[in-house]
Amino acid sequence: MESYDDNWTETQRALYDECYRAGGEWAEDPDTPSDDVQHVINLAEADDDAFTDAEIDYPPLVDAVTQVTGVNVTSVPARHDDPGFRGFVDGVRDGVDDDVFGL
């Protein structure tokens, strides 16, 4: 289910929406390895404290943010308050069936 932070701007909400869509499409692609989907689901479920201000260079996430923003990024903040990160991981989590990966 799509969810925004209350303080996000319209631009941030649009980034979330597009990354959410990209994450769902990536998760539903039959060529996407199930281990990769599980990795992203684990990121979605992780507490932000586990990341300690980390940047993620996971290619599908970076590609989605790059495509959506039109800016070549090399990493994305690993925080659930970042619309690119949260949109992608929410999209992946919601893009798989509830009985997949123990959800």
Protein backbone atom coordinates (compact mmCIF):
# COMPACT_ATOMS: atom_id res chain seq x y z
CA MET A 1 0.00 0.00 0.00
CA GLU A 2 1.39 3.37 -0.95
CA SER A 3 2.21 5.58 2.03
CA TYR A 4 3.64 9.08 2.18
CA ASP A 5 5.29 11.06 4.95
CA ASP A 6 2.98 13.90 5.92
CA ASN A 7 5.72 16.49 5.39
CA TRP A 8 6.69 15.40 1.85
CA THR A 9 6.32 17.89 -0.96
CA GLU A 10 4.40 17.07 -4.13
CA THR A 11 7.72 16.42 -5.86
CA GLN A 12 8.74 13.91 -3.19
CA ARG A 13 5.34 12.23 -3.44
CA ALA A 14 5.74 11.96 -7.21
CA LEU A 15 9.20 10.43 -6.73
CA TYR A 16 7.73 7.92 -4.28
CA ASP A 17 4.91 7.05 -6.70
CA GLU A 18 7.24 6.44 -9.63
CA CYS A 19 9.74 4.43 -7.58
CA TYR A 20 6.84 2.45 -6.09
CA ARG A 21 5.67 1.58 -9.59
CA ALA A 22 9.22 0.67 -10.66
CA GLY A 23 9.70 -1.53 -7.60
CA GLY A 24 6.46 -3.39 -8.22
CA GLU A 25 7.28 -3.97 -11.86
CA TRP A 26 10.78 -5.18 -10.98
CA ALA A 27 9.43 -7.59 -8.35
CA GLU A 28 6.82 -8.99 -10.74
CA ASP A 29 9.32 -9.50 -13.58
CA PRO A 30 9.85 -13.26 -13.98
CA ASP A 31 13.53 -12.62 -14.79
CA THR A 32 14.13 -11.02 -11.37
CA PRO A 33 15.86 -13.58 -9.12
CA SER A 34 13.85 -14.45 -6.02
CA ASP A 35 16.94 -13.91 -3.84
CA ASP A 36 17.11 -10.31 -5.08
CA VAL A 37 13.43 -9.77 -4.28
CA GLN A 38 13.99 -11.22 -0.82
CA HIS A 39 16.95 -8.86 -0.31
CA VAL A 40 14.80 -5.82 -1.07
CA ILE A 41 11.98 -7.10 1.15
CA ASN A 42 14.52 -7.40 3.96
CA LEU A 43 15.52 -3.79 3.35
CA ALA A 44 11.86 -2.76 3.48
CA GLU A 45 11.38 -4.52 6.80
CA ALA A 46 14.62 -3.27 8.40
CA ASP A 47 14.61 -0.57 11.04
CA ASP A 48 16.28 2.68 9.96
CA ASP A 49 18.64 2.36 12.94
CA ALA A 50 20.13 -0.71 11.25
CA PHE A 51 21.31 1.44 8.35
CA THR A 52 23.10 4.15 10.37
CA ASP A 53 22.94 6.77 7.61
CA ALA A 54 24.08 4.31 4.95
CA GLU A 55 23.78 4.86 1.24
CA ILE A 56 22.66 1.92 -0.89
CA ASP A 57 24.09 1.31 -4.33
CA TYR A 58 21.82 -1.64 -5.11
CA PRO A 59 21.50 -1.48 -8.92
CA PRO A 60 17.71 -1.92 -9.35
CA LEU A 61 17.03 0.79 -6.75
CA VAL A 62 19.65 3.18 -8.14
CA ASP A 63 18.38 2.57 -11.69
CA ALA A 64 14.80 3.34 -10.63
CA VAL A 65 15.74 6.61 -8.92
CA THR A 66 17.97 7.60 -11.85
CA GLN A 67 15.19 6.90 -14.34
CA VAL A 68 12.56 8.74 -12.33
CA THR A 69 14.64 11.81 -11.51
CA GLY A 70 16.61 12.03 -14.74
CA VAL A 71 19.71 12.52 -12.59
CA ASN A 72 22.50 9.96 -12.64
CA VAL A 73 22.72 8.81 -9.02
CA THR A 74 25.20 6.28 -7.70
CA SER A 75 23.51 5.58 -4.37
CA VAL A 76 20.28 6.24 -2.49
CA PRO A 77 19.93 7.05 1.23
CA ALA A 78 18.87 3.91 3.09
CA ARG A 79 16.09 5.57 5.06
CA HIS A 80 12.38 5.05 5.07
CA ASP A 81 11.87 8.82 5.01
CA ASP A 82 13.64 8.99 1.63
CA PRO A 83 10.90 8.85 -1.03
CA GLY A 84 13.03 6.99 -3.60
CA PHE A 85 14.13 4.27 -1.19
CA ARG A 86 10.74 3.89 0.46
CA GLY A 87 8.83 3.98 -2.80
CA PHE A 88 10.95 1.25 -4.35
CA VAL A 89 10.97 -1.09 -1.35
CA ASP A 90 7.23 -0.57 -0.71
CA GLY A 91 6.56 -1.31 -4.38
CA VAL A 92 8.60 -4.51 -4.22
CA ARG A 93 6.97 -5.65 -1.01
CA ASP A 94 3.49 -4.93 -2.36
CA GLY A 95 4.34 -6.37 -5.78
CA VAL A 96 4.73 -9.92 -4.49
CA ASP A 97 1.96 -12.17 -3.26
CA ASP A 98 1.38 -12.27 0.49
CA ASP A 99 2.32 -15.93 0.65
CA VAL A 100 5.69 -15.29 -0.98
CA PHE A 101 8.80 -14.97 1.18
CA GLY A 102 6.85 -15.39 4.41
CA LEU A 103 5.04 -12.06 4.23
